[in-house]
Amino acid sequence: MPRFLTRVLHEGSSRGFVTAVLLLFGCSAVALAQKPAAAPLGIGRAATPADIAKIDIDVRPDGQGLPEGQGTVAEGAAIYAAKCASCHGKNGEGASFDRLVATDSGKNFDFATNPKLPRAVGNYWPYATTLYDYTYRAMPFMQPGTLSANDTYALVAYILHLNKIVPENAVMDRSTLPAVKMPARDRFVMDNRKGGKVVK
């Protein structure tokens, strides 16, 4: 029994006893109202659609999952200067964290044989939507999840522009972003293994 209830019961007053009984019944009622989850643990509760919606924010290569909103290159430049440049460099060249801008992929997409080639958004990432997905969920590093959809679209537009993939007047939204063809798009293949060891 909790220490505070033991103290109340030992005070010897009928008022203390009544208080203890009411507290016990009140706590039991609250516990029952929470509808514990099924076995094996019997704790917690089933996730509601609202609970799931809060974390169901992944974006697929085809753009499925992108939210409403839009952003321009100019808007992204201002946000980048305030929230990204200190880690990724003034022009995406990298600083304390990875570079975001690079256009050289070697003569033959030589990343496997030339470790000096930088891997960045412009020369290595196959889908522009991945940039939205990662930025929205994980950036800025010290405040992940604080960017709005509009802010994220703007940052994506700016970073794609720095990589010479979209023009200065580009506007990114849920329809234009999936339509961006990245320079490395055709350098990756889908994993078609059915199981077991397969060598391509």
C-alpha atoms as a PDB file:
ATOM      1  CA  MET A   1       0.000   0.000   0.000  1.00  0.00           C
ATOM      2  CA  PRO A   2       1.314   3.476  -0.807  1.00  0.00           C
ATOM      3  CA  ARG A   3       2.962   5.234   2.150  1.00  0.00           C
ATOM      4  CA  PHE A   4       0.585   8.215   2.071  1.00  0.00           C
ATOM      5  CA  LEU A   5      -2.451   5.903   2.368  1.00  0.00           C
ATOM      6  CA  THR A   6      -0.870   4.042   5.281  1.00  0.00           C
ATOM      7  CA  ARG A   7      -0.353   7.361   7.057  1.00  0.00           C
ATOM      8  CA  VAL A   8      -3.966   8.409   6.428  1.00  0.00           C
ATOM      9  CA  LEU A   9      -5.316   5.099   7.798  1.00  0.00           C
ATOM     10  CA  HIS A  10      -3.145   5.278  10.924  1.00  0.00           C
ATOM     11  CA  GLU A  11      -4.391   8.732  11.803  1.00  0.00           C
ATOM     12  CA  GLY A  12      -7.403   6.950  13.256  1.00  0.00           C
ATOM     13  CA  SER A  13     -10.031   9.354  12.030  1.00  0.00           C
ATOM     14  CA  SER A  14     -13.081   8.246  10.116  1.00  0.00           C
ATOM     15  CA  ARG A  15     -12.398  11.073   7.704  1.00  0.00           C
ATOM     16  CA  GLY A  16      -8.951   9.602   6.997  1.00  0.00           C
ATOM     17  CA  PHE A  17     -10.463   6.180   6.373  1.00  0.00           C
ATOM     18  CA  VAL A  18     -13.092   7.562   3.994  1.00  0.00           C
ATOM     19  CA  THR A  19     -10.419   9.519   2.125  1.00  0.00           C
ATOM     20  CA  ALA A  20      -8.283   6.404   1.716  1.00  0.00           C
ATOM     21  CA  VAL A  21     -11.210   4.337   0.413  1.00  0.00           C
ATOM     22  CA  LEU A  22     -12.206   7.039  -2.080  1.00  0.00           C
ATOM     23  CA  LEU A  23      -8.630   7.324  -3.327  1.00  0.00           C
ATOM     24  CA  LEU A  24      -8.352   3.566  -3.832  1.00  0.00           C
ATOM     25  CA  PHE A  25     -11.651   3.335  -5.717  1.00  0.00           C
ATOM     26  CA  GLY A  26     -10.828   6.424  -7.771  1.00  0.00           C
ATOM     27  CA  CYS A  27      -7.470   5.027  -8.858  1.00  0.00           C
ATOM     28  CA  SER A  28      -9.082   1.695  -9.739  1.00  0.00           C
ATOM     29  CA  ALA A  29     -11.738   3.402 -11.862  1.00  0.00           C
ATOM     30  CA  VAL A  30      -9.128   5.366 -13.795  1.00  0.00           C
ATOM     31  CA  ALA A  31      -7.079   2.221 -14.407  1.00  0.00           C
ATOM     32  CA  LEU A  32     -10.129   0.323 -15.682  1.00  0.00           C
ATOM     33  CA  ALA A  33     -11.145   3.185 -17.976  1.00  0.00           C
ATOM     34  CA  GLN A  34      -7.815   3.019 -19.818  1.00  0.00           C
ATOM     35  CA  LYS A  35      -8.655  -0.328 -21.468  1.00  0.00           C
ATOM     36  CA  PRO A  36      -5.337  -2.166 -21.301  1.00  0.00           C
ATOM     37  CA  ALA A  37      -3.968  -3.777 -24.433  1.00  0.00           C
ATOM     38  CA  ALA A  38      -4.325  -7.470 -25.110  1.00  0.00           C
ATOM     39  CA  ALA A  39      -1.966 -10.137 -23.821  1.00  0.00           C
ATOM     40  CA  PRO A  40       0.830 -10.895 -23.262  1.00  0.00           C
ATOM     41  CA  LEU A  41       1.623  -7.803 -21.202  1.00  0.00           C
ATOM     42  CA  GLY A  42      -1.835  -6.323 -20.677  1.00  0.00           C
ATOM     43  CA  ILE A  43      -0.522  -2.783 -20.424  1.00  0.00           C
ATOM     44  CA  GLY A  44      -0.921   0.314 -22.556  1.00  0.00           C
ATOM     45  CA  ARG A  45      -3.726   0.947 -25.025  1.00  0.00           C
ATOM     46  CA  ALA A  46      -4.384   0.506 -28.696  1.00  0.00           C
ATOM     47  CA  ALA A  47      -3.122   3.365 -30.874  1.00  0.00           C
ATOM     48  CA  THR A  48      -5.864   5.631 -32.178  1.00  0.00           C
ATOM     49  CA  PRO A  49      -5.968   6.904 -35.768  1.00  0.00           C
ATOM     50  CA  ALA A  50      -4.836  10.306 -34.418  1.00  0.00           C
ATOM     51  CA  ASP A  51      -1.831   8.686 -32.687  1.00  0.00           C
ATOM     52  CA  ILE A  52      -0.835   6.941 -35.904  1.00  0.00           C
ATOM     53  CA  ALA A  53      -1.311  10.061 -38.048  1.00  0.00           C
ATOM     54  CA  LYS A  54       1.241  11.953 -35.921  1.00  0.00           C
ATOM     55  CA  ILE A  55       4.017   9.539 -36.829  1.00  0.00           C
ATOM     56  CA  ASP A  56       2.847   8.409 -40.278  1.00  0.00           C
ATOM     57  CA  ILE A  57       4.935  11.003 -42.109  1.00  0.00           C
ATOM     58  CA  ASP A  58       7.133   8.906 -44.378  1.00  0.00           C
ATOM     59  CA  VAL A  59       7.402   9.956 -48.021  1.00  0.00           C
ATOM     60  CA  ARG A  60       7.940   7.384 -50.756  1.00  0.00           C
ATOM     61  CA  PRO A  61       9.979   7.808 -53.945  1.00  0.00           C
ATOM     62  CA  ASP A  62       6.807   8.336 -56.001  1.00  0.00           C
ATOM     63  CA  GLY A  63       5.710  11.159 -53.693  1.00  0.00           C
ATOM     64  CA  GLN A  64       3.086   9.221 -51.784  1.00  0.00           C
ATOM     65  CA  GLY A  65       2.909  10.728 -48.310  1.00  0.00           C
ATOM     66  CA  LEU A  66       3.847  14.279 -49.315  1.00  0.00           C
ATOM     67  CA  PRO A  67       1.648  16.821 -47.512  1.00  0.00           C
ATOM     68  CA  GLU A  68      -0.077  19.931 -48.813  1.00  0.00           C
ATOM     69  CA  GLY A  69       2.131  23.004 -48.989  1.00  0.00           C
ATOM     70  CA  GLN A  70       4.729  24.619 -51.207  1.00  0.00           C
ATOM     71  CA  GLY A  71       8.018  26.470 -51.112  1.00  0.00           C
ATOM     72  CA  THR A  72      10.238  28.500 -53.412  1.00  0.00           C
ATOM     73  CA  VAL A  73      13.989  28.658 -53.902  1.00  0.00           C
ATOM     74  CA  ALA A  74      14.107  32.197 -52.478  1.00  0.00           C
ATOM     75  CA  GLU A  75      12.190  31.179 -49.350  1.00  0.00           C
ATOM     76  CA  GLY A  76      14.474  28.194 -48.931  1.00  0.00           C
ATOM     77  CA  ALA A  77      17.597  30.362 -49.161  1.00  0.00           C
ATOM     78  CA  ALA A  78      16.489  32.401 -46.140  1.00  0.00           C
ATOM     79  CA  ILE A  79      15.584  29.322 -44.096  1.00  0.00           C
ATOM     80  CA  TYR A  80      18.831  27.592 -45.065  1.00  0.00           C
ATOM     81  CA  ALA A  81      20.921  30.565 -43.928  1.00  0.00           C
ATOM     82  CA  ALA A  82      19.155  30.605 -40.559  1.00  0.00           C
ATOM     83  CA  LYS A  83      18.871  26.885 -39.801  1.00  0.00           C
ATOM     84  CA  CYS A  84      21.232  24.844 -41.981  1.00  0.00           C
ATOM     85  CA  ALA A  85      24.353  26.772 -43.009  1.00  0.00           C
ATOM     86  CA  SER A  86      26.113  26.456 -39.650  1.00  0.00           C
ATOM     87  CA  CYS A  87      26.308  22.660 -40.097  1.00  0.00           C
ATOM     88  CA  HIS A  88      26.268  22.173 -43.875  1.00  0.00           C
ATOM     89  CA  GLY A  89      28.193  25.251 -45.023  1.00  0.00           C
ATOM     90  CA  LYS A  90      27.079  28.548 -46.526  1.00  0.00           C
ATOM     91  CA  ASN A  91      26.598  27.010 -49.967  1.00  0.00           C
ATOM     92  CA  GLY A  92      26.041  23.386 -49.014  1.00  0.00           C
ATOM     93  CA  GLU A  93      29.747  22.559 -49.271  1.00  0.00           C
ATOM     94  CA  GLY A  94      29.778  20.928 -45.832  1.00  0.00           C
ATOM     95  CA  ALA A  95      31.077  22.107 -42.469  1.00  0.00           C
ATOM     96  CA  SER A  96      30.728  20.170 -39.225  1.00  0.00           C
ATOM     97  CA  PHE A  97      28.264  17.893 -41.059  1.00  0.00           C
ATOM     98  CA  ASP A  98      28.028  16.459 -44.573  1.00  0.00           C
ATOM     99  CA  ARG A  99      28.035  18.453 -47.738  1.00  0.00           C
ATOM    100  CA  LEU A 100      24.727  18.726 -49.571  1.00  0.00           C
ATOM    101  CA  VAL A 101      26.018  19.991 -52.903  1.00  0.00           C
ATOM    102  CA  ALA A 102      28.121  18.046 -55.420  1.00  0.00           C
ATOM    103  CA  THR A 103      27.691  17.506 -59.132  1.00  0.00           C
ATOM    104  CA  ASP A 104      30.701  15.337 -60.022  1.00  0.00           C
ATOM    105  CA  SER A 105      29.964  11.608 -60.115  1.00  0.00           C
ATOM    106  CA  GLY A 106      33.060  10.566 -62.038  1.00  0.00           C
ATOM    107  CA  LYS A 107      33.134   9.266 -65.585  1.00  0.00           C
ATOM    108  CA  ASN A 108      31.048   6.216 -64.793  1.00  0.00           C
ATOM    109  CA  PHE A 109      29.367   6.830 -61.436  1.00  0.00           C
ATOM    110  CA  ASP A 110      32.659   5.755 -59.873  1.00  0.00           C
ATOM    111  CA  PHE A 111      31.655   5.820 -56.204  1.00  0.00           C
ATOM    112  CA  ALA A 112      32.577   2.165 -55.684  1.00  0.00           C
ATOM    113  CA  THR A 113      36.117   2.609 -56.992  1.00  0.00           C
ATOM    114  CA  ASN A 114      36.861   6.221 -56.064  1.00  0.00           C
ATOM    115  CA  PRO A 115      36.368   6.911 -52.346  1.00  0.00           C
ATOM    116  CA  LYS A 116      37.354  10.550 -52.860  1.00  0.00           C
ATOM    117  CA  LEU A 117      34.174  11.315 -54.765  1.00  0.00           C
ATOM    118  CA  PRO A 118      31.798  13.118 -52.394  1.00  0.00           C
ATOM    119  CA  ARG A 119      28.338  11.619 -52.042  1.00  0.00           C
ATOM    120  CA  ALA A 120      25.770  14.389 -51.924  1.00  0.00           C
ATOM    121  CA  VAL A 121      22.217  15.193 -52.961  1.00  0.00           C
ATOM    122  CA  GLY A 122      23.141  16.366 -56.435  1.00  0.00           C
ATOM    123  CA  ASN A 123      25.290  13.488 -57.586  1.00  0.00           C
ATOM    124  CA  TYR A 124      24.242  10.447 -55.561  1.00  0.00           C
ATOM    125  CA  TRP A 125      20.643  10.608 -54.342  1.00  0.00           C
ATOM    126  CA  PRO A 126      18.220   8.895 -56.758  1.00  0.00           C
ATOM    127  CA  TYR A 127      14.980  10.572 -55.589  1.00  0.00           C
ATOM    128  CA  ALA A 128      14.213  14.186 -54.699  1.00  0.00           C
ATOM    129  CA  THR A 129      11.380  13.061 -52.424  1.00  0.00           C
ATOM    130  CA  THR A 130      13.930  11.428 -50.102  1.00  0.00           C
ATOM    131  CA  LEU A 131      15.349  14.874 -49.418  1.00  0.00           C
ATOM    132  CA  TYR A 132      11.918  16.059 -48.263  1.00  0.00           C
ATOM    133  CA  ASP A 133      11.357  12.942 -46.144  1.00  0.00           C
ATOM    134  CA  TYR A 134      14.672  13.146 -44.310  1.00  0.00           C
ATOM    135  CA  THR A 135      14.660  16.922 -43.854  1.00  0.00           C
ATOM    136  CA  TYR A 136      11.117  16.995 -42.470  1.00  0.00           C
ATOM    137  CA  ARG A 137      11.693  14.179 -39.977  1.00  0.00           C
ATOM    138  CA  ALA A 138      15.268  14.730 -38.865  1.00  0.00           C
ATOM    139  CA  MET A 139      16.358  18.325 -39.392  1.00  0.00           C
ATOM    140  CA  PRO A 140      17.573  20.672 -38.054  1.00  0.00           C
ATOM    141  CA  PHE A 141      19.859  18.390 -36.088  1.00  0.00           C
ATOM    142  CA  MET A 142      19.232  20.107 -32.743  1.00  0.00           C
ATOM    143  CA  GLN A 143      15.482  20.638 -33.350  1.00  0.00           C
ATOM    144  CA  PRO A 144      14.187  17.776 -35.505  1.00  0.00           C
ATOM    145  CA  GLY A 145      10.533  17.898 -36.465  1.00  0.00           C
ATOM    146  CA  THR A 146      10.217  21.676 -36.089  1.00  0.00           C
ATOM    147  CA  LEU A 147      10.057  22.548 -39.789  1.00  0.00           C
ATOM    148  CA  SER A 148       6.649  23.113 -41.341  1.00  0.00           C
ATOM    149  CA  ALA A 149       5.703  21.475 -44.638  1.00  0.00           C
ATOM    150  CA  ASN A 150       6.137  24.833 -46.399  1.00  0.00           C
ATOM    151  CA  ASP A 151       9.582  25.340 -44.833  1.00  0.00           C
ATOM    152  CA  THR A 152      10.644  21.867 -45.925  1.00  0.00           C
ATOM    153  CA  TYR A 153       9.427  22.325 -49.496  1.00  0.00           C
ATOM    154  CA  ALA A 154      11.340  25.618 -49.625  1.00  0.00           C
ATOM    155  CA  LEU A 155      14.552  24.054 -48.294  1.00  0.00           C
ATOM    156  CA  VAL A 156      14.272  21.207 -50.775  1.00  0.00           C
ATOM    157  CA  ALA A 157      13.776  23.689 -53.627  1.00  0.00           C
ATOM    158  CA  TYR A 158      16.853  25.638 -52.534  1.00  0.00           C
ATOM    159  CA  ILE A 159      19.092  22.581 -52.112  1.00  0.00           C
ATOM    160  CA  LEU A 160      18.013  21.212 -55.495  1.00  0.00           C
ATOM    161  CA  HIS A 161      18.770  24.616 -57.016  1.00  0.00           C
ATOM    162  CA  LEU A 162      22.237  24.699 -55.410  1.00  0.00           C
ATOM    163  CA  ASN A 163      22.834  21.346 -57.114  1.00  0.00           C
ATOM    164  CA  LYS A 164      21.744  22.800 -60.491  1.00  0.00           C
ATOM    165  CA  ILE A 165      18.789  20.434 -60.705  1.00  0.00           C
ATOM    166  CA  VAL A 166      15.926  22.968 -60.648  1.00  0.00           C
ATOM    167  CA  PRO A 167      15.847  26.605 -61.836  1.00  0.00           C
ATOM    168  CA  GLU A 168      15.821  29.644 -59.576  1.00  0.00           C
ATOM    169  CA  ASN A 169      12.069  30.140 -60.066  1.00  0.00           C
ATOM    170  CA  ALA A 170      11.181  26.556 -59.092  1.00  0.00           C
ATOM    171  CA  VAL A 171       8.287  25.961 -56.714  1.00  0.00           C
ATOM    172  CA  MET A 172       8.206  22.621 -54.946  1.00  0.00           C
ATOM    173  CA  ASP A 173       4.955  20.999 -53.830  1.00  0.00           C
ATOM    174  CA  ARG A 174       3.395  17.533 -53.728  1.00  0.00           C
ATOM    175  CA  SER A 175       3.080  17.389 -57.527  1.00  0.00           C
ATOM    176  CA  THR A 176       6.275  19.111 -58.710  1.00  0.00           C
ATOM    177  CA  LEU A 177       8.706  17.434 -56.305  1.00  0.00           C
ATOM    178  CA  PRO A 178       8.100  13.816 -57.433  1.00  0.00           C
ATOM    179  CA  ALA A 179       8.481  14.991 -61.043  1.00  0.00           C
ATOM    180  CA  VAL A 180      12.089  16.108 -60.446  1.00  0.00           C
ATOM    181  CA  LYS A 181      14.436  13.613 -62.089  1.00  0.00           C
ATOM    182  CA  MET A 182      17.661  13.364 -60.144  1.00  0.00           C
ATOM    183  CA  PRO A 183      20.947  12.895 -62.052  1.00  0.00           C
ATOM    184  CA  ALA A 184      21.549   9.552 -60.303  1.00  0.00           C
ATOM    185  CA  ARG A 185      18.006   8.192 -60.798  1.00  0.00           C
ATOM    186  CA  ASP A 186      19.008   5.590 -63.386  1.00  0.00           C
ATOM    187  CA  ARG A 187      22.138   4.533 -61.512  1.00  0.00           C
ATOM    188  CA  PHE A 188      20.222   2.472 -58.972  1.00  0.00           C
ATOM    189  CA  VAL A 189      18.207  -0.716 -59.502  1.00  0.00           C
ATOM    190  CA  MET A 190      15.420  -2.170 -57.415  1.00  0.00           C
ATOM    191  CA  ASP A 191      16.416  -5.141 -55.284  1.00  0.00           C
ATOM    192  CA  ASN A 192      14.622  -8.033 -56.979  1.00  0.00           C
ATOM    193  CA  ARG A 193      15.969 -10.864 -54.860  1.00  0.00           C
ATOM    194  CA  LYS A 194      13.423 -13.503 -53.906  1.00  0.00           C
ATOM    195  CA  GLY A 195      15.392 -14.856 -50.966  1.00  0.00           C
ATOM    196  CA  GLY A 196      18.651 -16.657 -50.387  1.00  0.00           C
ATOM    197  CA  LYS A 197      21.969 -15.687 -51.919  1.00  0.00           C
ATOM    198  CA  VAL A 198      21.699 -13.983 -55.277  1.00  0.00           C
ATOM    199  CA  VAL A 199      24.595 -12.295 -57.035  1.00  0.00           C
ATOM    200  CA  LYS A 200      23.881  -9.809 -59.816  1.00  0.00           C
END
